[in-house]
């Protein structure tokens, strides 16, 4: 998030893109990546664009900026998430636990593990499988899906 530029998210006319294409310098794994934007997030980003229209029409500027006008470091974004979770009363939550929850919910909703792997941008399926939590209730629901005719 800290590496996002306005031009990554908005086109020349200020419209929200449905996919963000990241250069290798913008990613943790130093590889080009794409991020598909949900329709719900596209709506929120459109509201953001209206609020900061002058800013988002300058493609080289950071998407998220401080009161001083500059962008945020990755550590600042992590600290902000920690603060948001704390204010929401979520103890022990972090930017990473939000990611883990997202991936777990995809698995819970029956999204194919390979699709979850690609969305998570993991090189190995075994990494993704560690993110998809399970418990006894989930196991019981899975067994109940198999009715004997």
N, C-alpha and C. Protein backbone atom coordinates (compact mmCIF):
# COMPACT_ATOMS: atom_id res chain seq x y z
N UNK A 1 0.82 -1.20 0.00
CA UNK A 1 0.00 0.00 0.00
C UNK A 1 0.86 1.26 0.00
N UNK A 2 1.95 1.20 0.74
CA UNK A 2 2.82 2.38 0.83
C UNK A 2 3.43 2.73 -0.52
N UNK A 3 3.64 1.74 -1.36
CA UNK A 3 4.30 1.96 -2.65
C UNK A 3 3.32 2.37 -3.75
N UNK A 4 2.02 2.34 -3.49
CA UNK A 4 1.05 2.67 -4.53
C UNK A 4 1.11 4.14 -4.92
N UNK A 5 1.08 4.37 -6.21
CA UNK A 5 0.99 5.73 -6.76
C UNK A 5 -0.43 5.95 -7.26
N UNK A 6 -0.83 7.20 -7.34
CA UNK A 6 -2.18 7.52 -7.82
C UNK A 6 -2.43 6.91 -9.20
N UNK A 7 -1.44 6.95 -10.07
CA UNK A 7 -1.58 6.40 -11.42
C UNK A 7 -1.72 4.89 -11.46
N UNK A 8 -1.36 4.21 -10.37
CA UNK A 8 -1.55 2.76 -10.31
C UNK A 8 -3.03 2.42 -10.15
N UNK A 9 -3.77 3.30 -9.50
CA UNK A 9 -5.16 3.04 -9.12
C UNK A 9 -6.16 3.77 -10.00
N UNK A 10 -5.77 4.94 -10.51
CA UNK A 10 -6.67 5.77 -11.31
C UNK A 10 -6.10 5.97 -12.71
N UNK A 11 -6.98 5.96 -13.71
CA UNK A 11 -6.52 6.22 -15.07
C UNK A 11 -6.39 7.72 -15.29
N UNK A 12 -6.06 8.12 -16.53
CA UNK A 12 -5.83 9.54 -16.86
C UNK A 12 -7.04 10.43 -16.58
N UNK A 13 -8.24 9.84 -16.66
CA UNK A 13 -9.47 10.60 -16.43
C UNK A 13 -9.91 10.58 -14.97
N UNK A 14 -9.14 9.92 -14.10
CA UNK A 14 -9.49 9.84 -12.68
C UNK A 14 -10.43 8.70 -12.35
N UNK A 15 -10.67 7.79 -13.30
CA UNK A 15 -11.52 6.62 -13.04
C UNK A 15 -10.71 5.53 -12.35
N UNK A 16 -11.39 4.79 -11.49
CA UNK A 16 -10.73 3.71 -10.76
C UNK A 16 -10.49 2.52 -11.70
N UNK A 17 -9.29 2.02 -11.68
CA UNK A 17 -8.96 0.84 -12.47
C UNK A 17 -9.55 -0.39 -11.79
N UNK A 18 -9.83 -1.45 -12.56
CA UNK A 18 -10.33 -2.68 -11.92
C UNK A 18 -9.19 -3.63 -11.59
N UNK A 19 -7.99 -3.33 -12.08
CA UNK A 19 -6.80 -4.11 -11.77
C UNK A 19 -5.63 -3.16 -11.59
N UNK A 20 -4.84 -3.42 -10.57
CA UNK A 20 -3.63 -2.63 -10.33
C UNK A 20 -2.45 -3.49 -10.77
N UNK A 21 -1.60 -2.93 -11.60
CA UNK A 21 -0.39 -3.63 -12.04
C UNK A 21 0.79 -3.03 -11.30
N UNK A 22 1.47 -3.87 -10.54
CA UNK A 22 2.59 -3.42 -9.72
C UNK A 22 3.92 -3.78 -10.38
N UNK A 23 4.83 -2.83 -10.38
CA UNK A 23 6.19 -3.09 -10.84
C UNK A 23 6.94 -3.84 -9.74
N UNK A 24 8.01 -4.50 -10.11
CA UNK A 24 8.78 -5.30 -9.15
C UNK A 24 9.28 -4.47 -7.96
N UNK A 25 9.55 -3.18 -8.17
CA UNK A 25 10.02 -2.33 -7.07
C UNK A 25 8.94 -2.08 -6.03
N UNK A 26 7.67 -2.32 -6.39
CA UNK A 26 6.56 -2.04 -5.50
C UNK A 26 6.13 -3.25 -4.69
N UNK A 27 6.76 -4.41 -4.93
CA UNK A 27 6.28 -5.63 -4.29
C UNK A 27 7.32 -6.20 -3.34
N UNK A 28 6.83 -6.96 -2.38
CA UNK A 28 7.70 -7.61 -1.41
C UNK A 28 8.60 -8.64 -2.08
N UNK A 29 8.07 -9.38 -3.03
CA UNK A 29 8.83 -10.43 -3.70
C UNK A 29 9.65 -9.95 -4.87
N UNK A 30 9.67 -8.66 -5.12
CA UNK A 30 10.42 -8.07 -6.23
C UNK A 30 10.06 -8.67 -7.59
N UNK A 31 8.79 -8.97 -7.77
CA UNK A 31 8.28 -9.46 -9.05
C UNK A 31 7.07 -8.63 -9.45
N UNK A 32 6.87 -8.45 -10.76
CA UNK A 32 5.68 -7.76 -11.21
C UNK A 32 4.45 -8.55 -10.75
N UNK A 33 3.42 -7.84 -10.32
CA UNK A 33 2.21 -8.48 -9.81
C UNK A 33 1.00 -7.71 -10.28
N UNK A 34 -0.17 -8.35 -10.18
CA UNK A 34 -1.42 -7.65 -10.41
C UNK A 34 -2.34 -7.90 -9.23
N UNK A 35 -3.14 -6.88 -8.93
CA UNK A 35 -4.11 -6.96 -7.84
C UNK A 35 -5.47 -6.63 -8.43
N UNK A 36 -6.39 -7.56 -8.31
CA UNK A 36 -7.75 -7.35 -8.82
C UNK A 36 -8.53 -6.59 -7.75
N UNK A 37 -9.21 -5.53 -8.16
CA UNK A 37 -9.94 -4.67 -7.23
C UNK A 37 -11.43 -5.04 -7.25
N UNK A 38 -11.97 -5.31 -6.08
CA UNK A 38 -13.39 -5.67 -5.99
C UNK A 38 -14.26 -4.46 -6.34
N UNK A 39 -15.48 -4.71 -6.74
CA UNK A 39 -16.41 -3.62 -7.07
C UNK A 39 -16.66 -2.74 -5.84
N UNK A 40 -16.74 -3.37 -4.66
CA UNK A 40 -16.95 -2.60 -3.43
C UNK A 40 -15.78 -1.64 -3.17
N UNK A 41 -14.55 -2.13 -3.34
CA UNK A 41 -13.39 -1.26 -3.14
C UNK A 41 -13.32 -0.20 -4.22
N UNK A 42 -13.71 -0.53 -5.44
CA UNK A 42 -13.72 0.46 -6.52
C UNK A 42 -14.62 1.63 -6.14
N UNK A 43 -15.76 1.34 -5.54
CA UNK A 43 -16.68 2.41 -5.11
C UNK A 43 -16.03 3.28 -4.04
N UNK A 44 -15.35 2.66 -3.09
CA UNK A 44 -14.68 3.42 -2.01
C UNK A 44 -13.55 4.28 -2.59
N UNK A 45 -12.83 3.72 -3.55
CA UNK A 45 -11.74 4.48 -4.18
C UNK A 45 -12.28 5.63 -5.02
N UNK A 46 -13.48 5.49 -5.58
CA UNK A 46 -14.11 6.58 -6.33
C UNK A 46 -14.46 7.73 -5.37
N UNK A 47 -14.93 7.39 -4.18
CA UNK A 47 -15.22 8.41 -3.16
C UNK A 47 -13.92 9.12 -2.77
N UNK A 48 -12.87 8.34 -2.58
CA UNK A 48 -11.56 8.90 -2.24
C UNK A 48 -11.11 9.87 -3.33
N UNK A 49 -11.32 9.49 -4.59
CA UNK A 49 -10.91 10.33 -5.72
C UNK A 49 -11.65 11.66 -5.72
N UNK A 50 -12.93 11.64 -5.35
CA UNK A 50 -13.69 12.89 -5.29
C UNK A 50 -13.15 13.80 -4.19
N UNK A 51 -12.79 13.20 -3.08
CA UNK A 51 -12.27 13.97 -1.94
C UNK A 51 -10.89 14.57 -2.25
N UNK A 52 -10.09 13.83 -2.98
CA UNK A 52 -8.72 14.26 -3.26
C UNK A 52 -8.47 14.32 -4.77
N UNK A 53 -9.39 14.93 -5.50
CA UNK A 53 -9.35 14.92 -6.97
C UNK A 53 -8.06 15.49 -7.54
N UNK A 54 -7.56 16.57 -6.98
CA UNK A 54 -6.31 17.15 -7.50
C UNK A 54 -5.15 16.18 -7.31
N UNK A 55 -5.16 15.51 -6.21
CA UNK A 55 -4.07 14.58 -5.88
C UNK A 55 -4.09 13.35 -6.78
N UNK A 56 -5.26 12.72 -6.95
CA UNK A 56 -5.31 11.46 -7.69
C UNK A 56 -5.10 11.65 -9.20
N UNK A 57 -5.22 12.88 -9.68
CA UNK A 57 -4.98 13.12 -11.10
C UNK A 57 -3.51 13.38 -11.40
N UNK A 58 -2.67 13.23 -10.40
CA UNK A 58 -1.22 13.36 -10.58
C UNK A 58 -0.62 11.96 -10.39
N UNK A 59 -0.45 11.22 -11.47
CA UNK A 59 -0.11 9.80 -11.40
C UNK A 59 1.15 9.45 -10.62
N UNK A 60 2.11 10.35 -10.54
CA UNK A 60 3.37 10.04 -9.86
C UNK A 60 3.29 10.20 -8.35
N UNK A 61 2.23 10.86 -7.86
CA UNK A 61 2.11 11.09 -6.42
C UNK A 61 1.71 9.81 -5.70
N UNK A 62 2.13 9.66 -4.43
CA UNK A 62 1.69 8.49 -3.65
C UNK A 62 0.17 8.50 -3.52
N UNK A 63 -0.43 7.31 -3.54
CA UNK A 63 -1.88 7.22 -3.41
C UNK A 63 -2.31 7.72 -2.03
N UNK A 64 -1.62 7.28 -1.00
CA UNK A 64 -1.92 7.71 0.36
C UNK A 64 -0.81 8.63 0.82
N UNK A 65 -1.19 9.74 1.40
CA UNK A 65 -0.19 10.75 1.74
C UNK A 65 -0.45 11.30 3.14
N UNK A 66 0.61 11.78 3.73
CA UNK A 66 0.53 12.34 5.08
C UNK A 66 0.09 13.80 5.02
N UNK A 67 -0.12 14.38 6.17
CA UNK A 67 -0.49 15.79 6.25
C UNK A 67 0.62 16.68 5.68
N UNK A 68 1.84 16.16 5.67
CA UNK A 68 2.97 16.90 5.12
C UNK A 68 3.04 16.78 3.59
N UNK A 69 2.18 15.92 3.03
CA UNK A 69 2.12 15.79 1.57
C UNK A 69 2.90 14.63 0.99
N UNK A 70 3.81 14.05 1.76
CA UNK A 70 4.59 12.92 1.27
C UNK A 70 3.87 11.61 1.47
N UNK A 71 4.44 10.55 0.95
CA UNK A 71 3.85 9.22 1.11
C UNK A 71 4.20 8.62 2.46
N UNK A 72 3.69 7.44 2.69
CA UNK A 72 3.97 6.71 3.92
C UNK A 72 5.01 5.63 3.65
N UNK A 73 5.78 5.31 4.67
CA UNK A 73 6.67 4.16 4.57
C UNK A 73 5.85 2.91 4.86
N UNK A 74 6.39 1.75 4.52
CA UNK A 74 5.70 0.49 4.81
C UNK A 74 5.47 0.36 6.31
N UNK A 75 6.44 0.75 7.12
CA UNK A 75 6.30 0.65 8.58
C UNK A 75 5.19 1.56 9.09
N UNK A 76 5.05 2.74 8.51
CA UNK A 76 3.98 3.65 8.91
C UNK A 76 2.62 3.04 8.62
N UNK A 77 2.46 2.37 7.48
CA UNK A 77 1.20 1.72 7.14
C UNK A 77 0.91 0.61 8.16
N UNK A 78 1.92 -0.17 8.51
CA UNK A 78 1.75 -1.23 9.51
C UNK A 78 1.31 -0.62 10.84
N UNK A 79 1.93 0.47 11.24
CA UNK A 79 1.56 1.15 12.49
C UNK A 79 0.14 1.69 12.44
N UNK A 80 -0.27 2.22 11.28
CA UNK A 80 -1.63 2.72 11.13
C UNK A 80 -2.66 1.59 11.29
N UNK A 81 -2.40 0.46 10.65
CA UNK A 81 -3.30 -0.68 10.80
C UNK A 81 -3.41 -1.10 12.26
N UNK A 82 -2.28 -1.14 12.93
CA UNK A 82 -2.27 -1.51 14.34
C UNK A 82 -3.14 -0.55 15.15
N UNK A 83 -3.02 0.72 14.85
CA UNK A 83 -3.82 1.74 15.54
C UNK A 83 -5.31 1.59 15.23
N UNK A 84 -5.65 1.35 13.96
CA UNK A 84 -7.05 1.17 13.56
C UNK A 84 -7.66 -0.03 14.28
N UNK A 85 -6.94 -1.14 14.29
CA UNK A 85 -7.44 -2.35 14.96
C UNK A 85 -7.62 -2.10 16.45
N UNK A 86 -6.66 -1.41 17.04
CA UNK A 86 -6.74 -1.12 18.48
C UNK A 86 -7.97 -0.26 18.78
N UNK A 87 -8.20 0.77 17.97
CA UNK A 87 -9.37 1.64 18.18
C UNK A 87 -10.68 0.89 17.98
N UNK A 88 -10.64 -0.15 17.14
CA UNK A 88 -11.83 -0.97 16.91
C UNK A 88 -11.99 -2.03 18.00
N UNK A 89 -11.07 -2.08 18.96
CA UNK A 89 -11.15 -3.03 20.06
C UNK A 89 -10.65 -4.43 19.71
N UNK A 90 -9.89 -4.55 18.63
CA UNK A 90 -9.36 -5.85 18.22
C UNK A 90 -7.94 -5.98 18.77
N UNK A 91 -7.80 -6.74 19.82
CA UNK A 91 -6.49 -6.90 20.47
C UNK A 91 -5.65 -7.91 19.73
N UNK A 92 -4.38 -7.58 19.55
CA UNK A 92 -3.44 -8.49 18.92
C UNK A 92 -3.55 -8.56 17.40
N UNK A 93 -4.46 -7.79 16.81
CA UNK A 93 -4.62 -7.81 15.35
C UNK A 93 -3.51 -6.98 14.70
N UNK A 94 -3.16 -7.37 13.48
CA UNK A 94 -2.11 -6.66 12.75
C UNK A 94 -2.47 -6.62 11.28
N UNK A 95 -1.68 -5.91 10.50
CA UNK A 95 -1.91 -5.90 9.06
C UNK A 95 -1.81 -7.32 8.51
N UNK A 96 -0.93 -8.11 9.05
CA UNK A 96 -0.77 -9.49 8.58
C UNK A 96 -1.96 -10.37 8.98
N UNK A 97 -2.50 -10.14 10.18
CA UNK A 97 -3.65 -10.96 10.59
C UNK A 97 -4.88 -10.62 9.74
N UNK A 98 -4.97 -9.38 9.26
CA UNK A 98 -6.05 -9.03 8.33
C UNK A 98 -5.92 -9.80 7.04
N UNK A 99 -4.70 -9.94 6.55
CA UNK A 99 -4.43 -10.73 5.35
C UNK A 99 -4.79 -12.19 5.59
N UNK A 100 -4.37 -12.71 6.73
CA UNK A 100 -4.65 -14.10 7.08
C UNK A 100 -6.16 -14.35 7.15
N UNK A 101 -6.89 -13.42 7.74
CA UNK A 101 -8.34 -13.56 7.85
C UNK A 101 -9.00 -13.57 6.47
N UNK A 102 -8.54 -12.69 5.59
CA UNK A 102 -9.07 -12.64 4.23
C UNK A 102 -8.87 -13.99 3.53
N UNK A 103 -7.66 -14.53 3.60
CA UNK A 103 -7.37 -15.80 2.93
C UNK A 103 -8.15 -16.95 3.56
N UNK A 104 -8.29 -16.92 4.88
CA UNK A 104 -9.06 -17.96 5.57
C UNK A 104 -10.53 -17.91 5.15
N UNK A 105 -11.09 -16.71 5.06
CA UNK A 105 -12.50 -16.58 4.66
C UNK A 105 -12.71 -17.06 3.23
N UNK A 106 -11.75 -16.81 2.35
CA UNK A 106 -11.87 -17.33 0.99
C UNK A 106 -11.95 -18.85 1.03
N UNK A 107 -11.09 -19.47 1.82
CA UNK A 107 -11.11 -20.92 1.96
C UNK A 107 -12.43 -21.41 2.54
N UNK A 108 -12.93 -20.68 3.55
CA UNK A 108 -14.20 -21.05 4.19
C UNK A 108 -15.37 -20.98 3.21
N UNK A 109 -15.27 -20.08 2.26
CA UNK A 109 -16.36 -19.92 1.29
C UNK A 109 -16.23 -20.87 0.11
N UNK A 110 -15.26 -21.77 0.19
CA UNK A 110 -15.12 -22.79 -0.84
C UNK A 110 -14.33 -22.38 -2.06
N UNK A 111 -13.61 -21.26 -1.95
CA UNK A 111 -12.77 -20.84 -3.07
C UNK A 111 -11.61 -21.83 -3.19
N UNK A 112 -11.36 -22.28 -4.39
CA UNK A 112 -10.31 -23.24 -4.67
C UNK A 112 -8.98 -22.74 -4.11
N UNK A 113 -8.23 -23.64 -3.47
CA UNK A 113 -6.96 -23.27 -2.85
C UNK A 113 -5.97 -22.68 -3.85
N UNK A 114 -6.02 -23.13 -5.08
CA UNK A 114 -5.12 -22.60 -6.12
C UNK A 114 -5.46 -21.14 -6.41
N UNK A 115 -6.75 -20.80 -6.42
CA UNK A 115 -7.18 -19.42 -6.64
C UNK A 115 -6.72 -18.56 -5.46
N UNK A 116 -6.88 -19.07 -4.25
CA UNK A 116 -6.43 -18.35 -3.05
C UNK A 116 -4.92 -18.12 -3.14
N UNK A 117 -4.19 -19.12 -3.60
CA UNK A 117 -2.74 -19.01 -3.76
C UNK A 117 -2.37 -17.86 -4.69
N UNK A 118 -3.05 -17.77 -5.82
CA UNK A 118 -2.75 -16.71 -6.79
C UNK A 118 -3.10 -15.34 -6.21
N UNK A 119 -4.26 -15.24 -5.55
CA UNK A 119 -4.65 -13.97 -4.94
C UNK A 119 -3.66 -13.54 -3.85
N UNK A 120 -3.15 -14.52 -3.12
CA UNK A 120 -2.19 -14.22 -2.05
C UNK A 120 -0.80 -13.94 -2.60
N UNK A 121 -0.58 -14.29 -3.88
CA UNK A 121 0.71 -14.14 -4.54
C UNK A 121 1.78 -15.00 -3.86
N UNK A 122 1.38 -16.20 -3.46
CA UNK A 122 2.34 -17.16 -2.91
C UNK A 122 2.92 -18.00 -4.04
N UNK A 123 4.20 -18.28 -3.96
CA UNK A 123 4.83 -19.13 -4.98
C UNK A 123 4.44 -20.60 -4.80
N UNK A 124 4.22 -21.00 -3.56
CA UNK A 124 3.96 -22.40 -3.26
C UNK A 124 2.60 -22.58 -2.59
N UNK A 125 1.87 -23.57 -3.03
CA UNK A 125 0.55 -23.86 -2.45
C UNK A 125 0.67 -24.20 -0.96
N UNK A 126 1.77 -24.81 -0.57
CA UNK A 126 1.96 -25.16 0.85
C UNK A 126 1.96 -23.91 1.74
N UNK A 127 2.45 -22.80 1.22
CA UNK A 127 2.41 -21.54 1.98
C UNK A 127 0.97 -21.10 2.18
N UNK A 128 0.19 -21.16 1.12
CA UNK A 128 -1.22 -20.77 1.19
C UNK A 128 -1.97 -21.66 2.16
N UNK A 129 -1.69 -22.94 2.14
CA UNK A 129 -2.40 -23.88 3.01
C UNK A 129 -2.18 -23.56 4.48
N UNK A 130 -1.05 -22.98 4.82
CA UNK A 130 -0.81 -22.58 6.22
C UNK A 130 -1.69 -21.40 6.62
N UNK A 131 -2.16 -20.64 5.66
CA UNK A 131 -3.01 -19.49 5.95
C UNK A 131 -4.47 -19.90 6.14
N UNK A 132 -4.87 -20.97 5.52
CA UNK A 132 -6.27 -21.37 5.57
C UNK A 132 -6.50 -22.19 6.83
N UNK A 133 -7.02 -21.51 7.85
CA UNK A 133 -7.24 -22.15 9.14
C UNK A 133 -8.40 -23.13 9.08
N UNK A 134 -8.37 -24.10 9.95
CA UNK A 134 -9.48 -25.03 10.09
C UNK A 134 -9.68 -25.33 11.56
N UNK A 135 -10.87 -25.81 11.90
CA UNK A 135 -11.18 -26.23 13.25
C UNK A 135 -12.20 -27.36 13.18
N UNK A 136 -12.58 -27.89 14.31
CA UNK A 136 -13.48 -29.04 14.33
C UNK A 136 -14.82 -28.74 13.67
N UNK A 137 -15.38 -27.56 13.91
CA UNK A 137 -16.67 -27.21 13.29
C UNK A 137 -16.57 -27.21 11.77
N UNK A 138 -15.49 -26.67 11.24
CA UNK A 138 -15.31 -26.64 9.78
C UNK A 138 -15.17 -28.06 9.23
N UNK A 139 -14.47 -28.90 9.96
CA UNK A 139 -14.30 -30.28 9.53
C UNK A 139 -15.65 -31.01 9.53
N UNK A 140 -16.44 -30.78 10.57
CA UNK A 140 -17.77 -31.42 10.64
C UNK A 140 -18.68 -30.95 9.49
N UNK A 141 -18.66 -29.65 9.20
CA UNK A 141 -19.48 -29.14 8.08
C UNK A 141 -19.06 -29.77 6.76
N UNK A 142 -17.77 -29.95 6.58
CA UNK A 142 -17.28 -30.56 5.34
C UNK A 142 -17.77 -32.01 5.22
N UNK A 143 -17.73 -32.75 6.32
CA UNK A 143 -18.18 -34.14 6.30
C UNK A 143 -19.69 -34.21 6.04
N UNK A 144 -20.45 -33.28 6.60
CA UNK A 144 -21.90 -33.27 6.42
C UNK A 144 -22.31 -32.95 4.99
N UNK A 145 -21.43 -32.33 4.22
CA UNK A 145 -21.74 -32.04 2.83
C UNK A 145 -21.88 -33.32 2.00
N UNK A 146 -21.25 -34.38 2.47
CA UNK A 146 -21.24 -35.64 1.74
C UNK A 146 -22.39 -36.53 2.23
N UNK A 147 -23.55 -36.39 1.65
CA UNK A 147 -24.70 -37.22 2.01
C UNK A 147 -24.66 -38.50 1.22
N UNK A 148 -25.02 -39.58 1.87
CA UNK A 148 -25.09 -40.87 1.18
C UNK A 148 -26.50 -41.04 0.62
N UNK A 149 -26.60 -41.29 -0.67
CA UNK A 149 -27.91 -41.43 -1.31
C UNK A 149 -28.42 -42.84 -1.22
